[in-house]
Amino acid sequence: MVMQSSRHWARIGESSFVLGMWLLYGVHRVLGRLPFRLCLYPVVVWYWATRPLARRSSLEYLARLQAAHGSVCAPGVQPGLRHSLRHFLSFAETILDKMLAVSGRYRFEDVRFSGLEPVQALMARGKGGVFVTAHVGCLELCRALADRSPGLHLNVLVHTRHAERFNAMLRRLDPRSGVQLLQVSEFDASTAALLAQKLKVGEFVAIAGDRVPVTRSKIARVPFLGHEADFPVGPYVLAALLQCPLILLGCVREGRAHTVNFELLAEHVVLPRGERDAALAAYAAEFAQRLERLLQRAPYEWFNFFSFWAPMQPAPPVHEQRTAH
């Protein structure tokens, strides 16, 4: 079957039901998590029922994860609508966790850290690095690490104002947060100079490795869950340009606790002349493999509700994105 070209994820928007989540956050704050869940279910069921693209994309992802690793349901069983609905419910619970984490109301003693040694070593030397992240779990729980390490400063690159709008809501909950959002539509010399300065003073830069940027920049099409998919190469170009370590940062929910996972991908990202594209594809493929390992541990924690494997159409110009709300 020939795969149809998919709309760029930035065209779809990130309907995070912000107003509804504010109301549900208030319910949780006054009454606790159980009443929150009772209010949450009808909201999520309505959203799930009225978003066919997101629903189909959820089922596509779950089916491919099941076929590749058998992580979603029992052997020989195909994920169905109830599994997709569970996926959406996990997304909604994660939004609450984000709000609780940023407001300081999350039980941070329930956060575990794995592979933290490379980050601690960099901080001890006053050096920064590049985190390549994915839309997995609740990365805002790094707030727990920031509380224990006051010198940790994280700059998150976002590609559209959709994400920035939601994160602005989170910043309202804690204006003192050590996390700064940098809205980047195009990566140019001034952006590179800004980020180099931040790393020079020991700050970290985080950039998503599982979404193609808004502008049609270079990508690598690599295997992911048994099929080829587009992955951005920006994180690897950035780490090579800034001459700093590249570290995978992911978060998964395991039972009632969360594990924030760090994995050193490269001490130095090397892009040999004449073999640059092959090297970038190799880094992207390694990232995709390690992302699969995280998803085997927490199959309902990946939140890309668009047709991930279809080749992306170019995104609209920046001015169109800003007026499309």
Protein backbone atom coordinates (compact mmCIF):
# COMPACT_ATOMS: atom_id res chain seq x y z
CA MET A 1 0.00 0.00 0.00
CA VAL A 2 1.36 3.44 -0.89
CA MET A 3 1.54 5.67 2.14
CA GLN A 4 -0.27 8.97 1.76
CA SER A 5 1.53 12.17 2.63
CA SER A 6 0.43 13.44 6.04
CA ARG A 7 -0.29 16.99 7.06
CA HIS A 8 2.51 18.46 9.11
CA TRP A 9 1.76 18.10 12.82
CA ALA A 10 1.96 21.90 13.21
CA ARG A 11 -1.05 22.30 10.90
CA ILE A 12 -3.12 20.11 13.17
CA GLY A 13 -2.50 22.11 16.32
CA GLU A 14 -2.17 20.79 19.84
CA SER A 15 -5.64 20.99 21.33
CA SER A 16 -4.70 20.41 24.93
CA PHE A 17 -8.15 21.46 26.18
CA VAL A 18 -6.41 24.12 28.24
CA LEU A 19 -9.55 25.64 29.78
CA GLY A 20 -10.92 22.22 30.66
CA MET A 21 -7.64 21.21 32.26
CA TRP A 22 -7.62 24.39 34.34
CA LEU A 23 -11.06 23.41 35.67
CA LEU A 24 -9.98 19.84 36.32
CA TYR A 25 -6.82 21.07 38.01
CA GLY A 26 -9.06 23.08 40.36
CA VAL A 27 -11.09 19.95 41.08
CA HIS A 28 -7.91 18.06 41.93
CA ARG A 29 -6.62 20.85 44.13
CA VAL A 30 -9.81 20.98 46.19
CA LEU A 31 -10.99 17.35 46.17
CA GLY A 32 -8.05 15.14 45.15
CA ARG A 33 -7.22 12.73 42.35
CA LEU A 34 -10.24 10.39 42.50
CA PRO A 35 -12.84 13.17 41.93
CA PHE A 36 -10.48 14.53 39.26
CA ARG A 37 -10.66 11.20 37.43
CA LEU A 38 -14.47 11.09 37.68
CA CYS A 39 -14.60 14.52 36.01
CA LEU A 40 -11.84 13.63 33.58
CA TYR A 41 -13.41 10.60 31.93
CA PRO A 42 -16.32 12.34 30.15
CA VAL A 43 -13.98 15.11 28.93
CA VAL A 44 -11.52 12.59 27.47
CA VAL A 45 -14.23 10.38 25.96
CA TRP A 46 -15.70 13.43 24.18
CA TYR A 47 -12.30 14.48 22.89
CA TRP A 48 -11.47 10.93 21.78
CA ALA A 49 -14.83 10.53 20.01
CA THR A 50 -14.59 13.84 18.13
CA ARG A 51 -10.96 13.62 16.94
CA PRO A 52 -10.88 10.85 14.30
CA LEU A 53 -7.34 11.65 13.09
CA ALA A 54 -5.95 11.51 16.62
CA ARG A 55 -7.88 8.31 17.30
CA ARG A 56 -6.63 6.61 14.12
CA SER A 57 -3.08 7.74 14.83
CA SER A 58 -3.27 6.33 18.34
CA LEU A 59 -4.44 2.96 17.02
CA GLU A 60 -1.71 2.97 14.35
CA TYR A 61 0.98 3.57 16.94
CA LEU A 62 -0.37 0.97 19.39
CA ALA A 63 -0.73 -1.64 16.64
CA ARG A 64 2.84 -1.12 15.47
CA LEU A 65 4.22 -1.24 19.00
CA GLN A 66 2.28 -4.46 19.61
CA ALA A 67 3.54 -6.00 16.36
CA ALA A 68 7.15 -5.02 17.07
CA HIS A 69 7.39 -5.81 20.78
CA GLY A 70 4.06 -7.19 22.08
CA SER A 71 4.01 -4.49 24.77
CA VAL A 72 0.42 -3.23 24.53
CA CYS A 73 -1.82 -6.23 25.16
CA ALA A 74 -1.82 -10.03 25.32
CA PRO A 75 -0.02 -12.01 22.59
CA GLY A 76 -2.19 -12.54 19.52
CA VAL A 77 -4.50 -9.66 20.46
CA GLN A 78 -4.69 -6.52 18.34
CA PRO A 79 -5.09 -3.15 20.10
CA GLY A 80 -8.65 -1.85 19.75
CA LEU A 81 -10.72 1.17 20.68
CA ARG A 82 -10.48 0.55 24.42
CA HIS A 83 -6.68 0.59 24.16
CA SER A 84 -6.81 3.84 22.22
CA LEU A 85 -9.09 5.37 24.85
CA ARG A 86 -6.66 4.27 27.54
CA HIS A 87 -3.93 6.03 25.55
CA PHE A 88 -5.95 9.28 25.64
CA LEU A 89 -6.64 8.90 29.35
CA SER A 90 -2.92 8.51 29.98
CA PHE A 91 -2.35 11.74 28.03
CA ALA A 92 -4.87 13.62 30.17
CA GLU A 93 -3.38 12.28 33.41
CA THR A 94 0.04 13.38 32.19
CA ILE A 95 -1.24 16.92 31.58
CA LEU A 96 -2.37 17.01 35.21
CA ASP A 97 1.04 15.70 36.31
CA LYS A 98 2.67 18.51 34.29
CA MET A 99 0.57 21.10 36.09
CA LEU A 100 1.21 19.54 39.50
CA ALA A 101 4.95 19.28 38.81
CA VAL A 102 5.31 22.89 37.74
CA SER A 103 3.18 24.18 40.63
CA GLY A 104 5.23 22.15 43.12
CA ARG A 105 2.23 20.02 44.18
CA TYR A 106 3.48 16.72 42.74
CA ARG A 107 4.86 14.11 45.17
CA PHE A 108 8.45 14.47 44.01
CA GLU A 109 9.52 11.65 46.28
CA ASP A 110 7.78 9.40 43.71
CA VAL A 111 10.24 10.49 41.00
CA ARG A 112 13.19 8.23 40.26
CA PHE A 113 16.22 9.16 38.17
CA SER A 114 18.15 6.75 36.00
CA GLY A 115 21.49 7.40 34.31
CA LEU A 116 21.99 10.80 35.93
CA GLU A 117 25.77 10.47 36.23
CA PRO A 118 26.71 12.18 32.89
CA VAL A 119 24.52 15.19 33.76
CA GLN A 120 25.98 15.48 37.26
CA ALA A 121 29.52 15.27 35.84
CA LEU A 122 28.81 18.09 33.39
CA MET A 123 27.26 20.26 36.11
CA ALA A 124 30.26 19.66 38.39
CA ARG A 125 32.51 21.03 35.62
CA GLY A 126 30.20 23.98 34.96
CA LYS A 127 29.43 22.65 31.49
CA GLY A 128 26.14 22.26 29.62
CA GLY A 129 24.87 19.87 26.99
CA VAL A 130 22.07 19.08 24.59
CA PHE A 131 19.15 16.91 25.71
CA VAL A 132 17.31 15.20 22.88
CA THR A 133 13.81 14.47 24.15
CA ALA A 134 10.61 12.81 22.97
CA HIS A 135 6.92 13.39 23.64
CA VAL A 136 6.99 10.69 26.29
CA GLY A 137 5.60 11.04 29.79
CA CYS A 138 5.99 14.12 31.95
CA LEU A 139 9.36 15.78 31.42
CA GLU A 140 8.32 18.62 33.73
CA LEU A 141 9.23 16.25 36.55
CA CYS A 142 12.80 17.40 35.96
CA ARG A 143 11.62 20.11 38.36
CA ALA A 144 12.40 17.56 41.07
CA LEU A 145 15.99 17.43 39.83
CA ALA A 146 16.15 21.22 39.66
CA ASP A 147 15.01 21.42 43.29
CA ARG A 148 17.85 19.13 44.30
CA SER A 149 20.33 20.88 41.98
CA PRO A 150 19.65 24.64 42.11
CA GLY A 151 22.29 25.29 39.42
CA LEU A 152 20.39 23.36 36.76
CA HIS A 153 18.94 25.60 34.05
CA LEU A 154 17.10 24.11 31.09
CA ASN A 155 16.22 25.91 27.84
CA VAL A 156 13.53 24.11 25.84
CA LEU A 157 13.34 24.79 22.10
CA VAL A 158 9.75 24.79 20.80
CA HIS A 159 8.84 25.00 17.13
CA THR A 160 5.37 26.52 17.27
CA ARG A 161 3.26 28.78 19.42
CA HIS A 162 0.88 25.85 20.05
CA ALA A 163 3.34 24.32 22.49
CA GLU A 164 4.38 27.70 23.84
CA ARG A 165 0.77 28.59 24.62
CA PHE A 166 0.31 25.48 26.74
CA ASN A 167 3.65 25.93 28.47
CA ALA A 168 2.79 29.57 29.21
CA MET A 169 -0.09 28.18 31.23
CA LEU A 170 2.35 25.98 33.14
CA ARG A 171 4.67 28.93 33.79
CA ARG A 172 1.78 30.78 35.44
CA LEU A 173 1.80 28.07 38.08
CA ASP A 174 5.44 28.74 38.98
CA PRO A 175 7.09 31.95 37.72
CA ARG A 176 10.33 30.90 39.46
CA SER A 177 10.79 27.81 37.29
CA GLY A 178 14.32 27.25 36.03
CA VAL A 179 12.93 26.16 32.67
CA GLN A 180 12.91 28.72 29.86
CA LEU A 181 11.08 28.22 26.56
CA LEU A 182 12.69 29.44 23.35
CA GLN A 183 10.31 29.65 20.39
CA VAL A 184 12.43 28.85 17.33
CA SER A 185 10.92 28.83 13.84
CA GLU A 186 14.27 28.84 12.05
CA PHE A 187 17.73 27.99 13.29
CA ASP A 188 20.12 30.75 12.24
CA ALA A 189 23.45 32.23 13.32
CA SER A 190 21.89 34.39 16.04
CA THR A 191 20.09 31.38 17.53
CA ALA A 192 23.31 29.37 17.48
CA ALA A 193 25.18 32.19 19.22
CA LEU A 194 22.48 32.46 21.91
CA LEU A 195 22.55 28.74 22.63
CA ALA A 196 26.36 28.64 22.64
CA GLN A 197 26.35 31.36 25.28
CA LYS A 198 23.89 29.41 27.42
CA LEU A 199 26.01 26.26 27.27
CA LYS A 200 29.11 28.29 28.06
CA VAL A 201 27.62 29.29 31.42
CA GLY A 202 26.61 25.70 32.21
CA GLU A 203 22.99 25.66 31.05
CA PHE A 204 21.33 22.84 29.10
CA VAL A 205 19.32 22.93 25.89
CA ALA A 206 16.49 20.47 25.20
CA ILE A 207 15.12 19.79 21.73
CA ALA A 208 12.56 17.22 20.58
CA GLY A 209 13.92 14.36 18.52
CA ASP A 210 10.55 12.93 17.49
CA ARG A 211 8.93 15.81 15.58
CA VAL A 212 9.97 17.31 12.26
CA PRO A 213 10.42 21.10 12.63
CA VAL A 214 7.90 23.59 11.31
CA THR A 215 10.15 24.70 8.49
CA ARG A 216 11.02 21.92 6.07
CA SER A 217 14.56 21.23 7.25
CA LYS A 218 16.71 18.18 6.75
CA ILE A 219 15.32 14.90 8.07
CA ALA A 220 16.37 11.28 8.24
CA ARG A 221 13.95 8.48 7.44
CA VAL A 222 14.87 5.62 9.75
CA PRO A 223 13.26 2.43 11.12
CA PHE A 224 10.88 2.87 14.03
CA LEU A 225 8.54 0.13 15.31
CA GLY A 226 9.08 -1.93 12.18
CA HIS A 227 8.41 0.89 9.66
CA GLU A 228 10.37 3.87 8.39
CA ALA A 229 9.48 7.30 9.75
CA ASP A 230 10.77 10.86 9.46
CA PHE A 231 12.97 12.04 12.31
CA PRO A 232 14.58 15.46 12.60
CA VAL A 233 18.37 15.72 12.54
CA GLY A 234 18.42 19.14 14.25
CA PRO A 235 19.46 17.78 17.68
CA TYR A 236 22.59 16.16 16.22
CA VAL A 237 23.51 19.17 14.09
CA LEU A 238 23.07 21.35 17.19
CA ALA A 239 25.26 19.15 19.40
CA ALA A 240 27.94 19.01 16.70
CA LEU A 241 27.82 22.79 16.22
CA LEU A 242 27.99 23.51 19.95
CA GLN A 243 30.63 20.81 20.49
CA CYS A 244 28.92 19.39 23.54
CA PRO A 245 27.62 16.01 24.75
CA LEU A 246 24.29 14.68 23.48
CA ILE A 247 22.04 13.06 26.09
CA LEU A 248 18.69 11.32 25.67
CA LEU A 249 16.10 12.58 28.17
CA GLY A 250 12.88 10.61 28.57
CA CYS A 251 10.27 10.05 31.24
CA VAL A 252 7.99 7.06 31.77
CA ARG A 253 5.24 6.30 34.26
CA GLU A 254 5.83 3.00 36.04
CA GLY A 255 3.04 2.18 38.44
CA ARG A 256 2.38 5.22 40.60
CA ALA A 257 5.89 6.58 40.14
CA HIS A 258 7.75 8.18 37.28
CA THR A 259 11.27 7.45 36.11
CA VAL A 260 13.24 10.24 34.43
CA ASN A 261 15.73 8.51 32.19
CA PHE A 262 19.07 9.93 30.98
CA GLU A 263 21.23 8.10 28.43
CA LEU A 264 24.47 9.43 26.98
CA LEU A 265 24.17 9.16 23.19
CA ALA A 266 27.49 10.76 22.31
CA GLU A 267 30.25 12.55 24.19
CA HIS A 268 31.05 14.28 20.90
CA VAL A 269 28.78 14.32 17.83
CA VAL A 270 30.98 13.91 14.77
CA LEU A 271 29.70 14.66 11.26
CA PRO A 272 32.51 13.73 8.84
CA ARG A 273 32.77 15.72 5.63
CA GLY A 274 31.39 13.67 2.76
CA GLU A 275 29.54 11.34 5.16
CA ARG A 276 27.44 13.93 6.97
CA ASP A 277 24.03 12.60 5.88
CA ALA A 278 24.95 9.03 6.77
CA ALA A 279 26.20 10.12 10.19
CA LEU A 280 23.03 12.13 10.89
CA ALA A 281 20.88 9.15 9.89
CA ALA A 282 22.90 6.92 12.23
CA TYR A 283 22.32 9.26 15.18
CA ALA A 284 18.60 9.49 14.37
CA ALA A 285 18.36 5.69 14.09
CA GLU A 286 20.06 5.26 17.47
CA PHE A 287 17.62 7.71 19.03
CA ALA A 288 14.66 5.86 17.48
CA GLN A 289 15.94 2.54 18.86
CA ARG A 290 16.31 3.90 22.38
CA LEU A 291 12.88 5.51 22.16
CA GLU A 292 11.45 2.08 21.33
CA ARG A 293 13.02 0.69 24.51
CA LEU A 294 11.33 3.39 26.58
CA LEU A 295 7.97 2.69 24.94
CA GLN A 296 8.25 -1.01 25.69
CA ARG A 297 8.31 -0.04 29.38
CA ALA A 298 5.37 2.39 29.09
CA PRO A 299 3.38 1.82 25.87
CA TYR A 300 0.66 4.39 26.63
CA GLU A 301 3.08 7.22 27.36
CA TRP A 302 3.95 8.43 23.83
CA PHE A 303 1.87 11.45 22.82
CA ASN A 304 2.13 12.11 19.08
CA PHE A 305 -1.49 12.04 17.91
CA PHE A 306 -0.88 12.38 14.17
CA SER A 307 0.12 9.95 11.43
CA PHE A 308 3.72 9.62 12.47
CA TRP A 309 4.93 7.28 9.71
CA ALA A 310 3.47 9.15 6.73
CA PRO A 311 5.92 11.50 4.98
CA MET A 312 5.14 15.03 6.10
CA GLN A 313 3.93 17.80 3.85
CA PRO A 314 5.72 21.11 4.37
CA ALA A 315 4.29 23.16 7.21
CA PRO A 316 2.65 26.54 6.58
CA PRO A 317 4.71 29.73 6.76
CA VAL A 318 5.24 31.09 10.26
CA HIS A 319 2.77 33.97 9.83
CA GLU A 320 0.05 31.47 8.88
CA GLN A 321 0.66 29.47 12.05
CA ARG A 322 0.34 32.59 14.16
CA THR A 323 -3.06 33.45 12.74
CA ALA A 324 -4.50 29.94 12.58
CA HIS A 325 -5.90 29.74 16.11
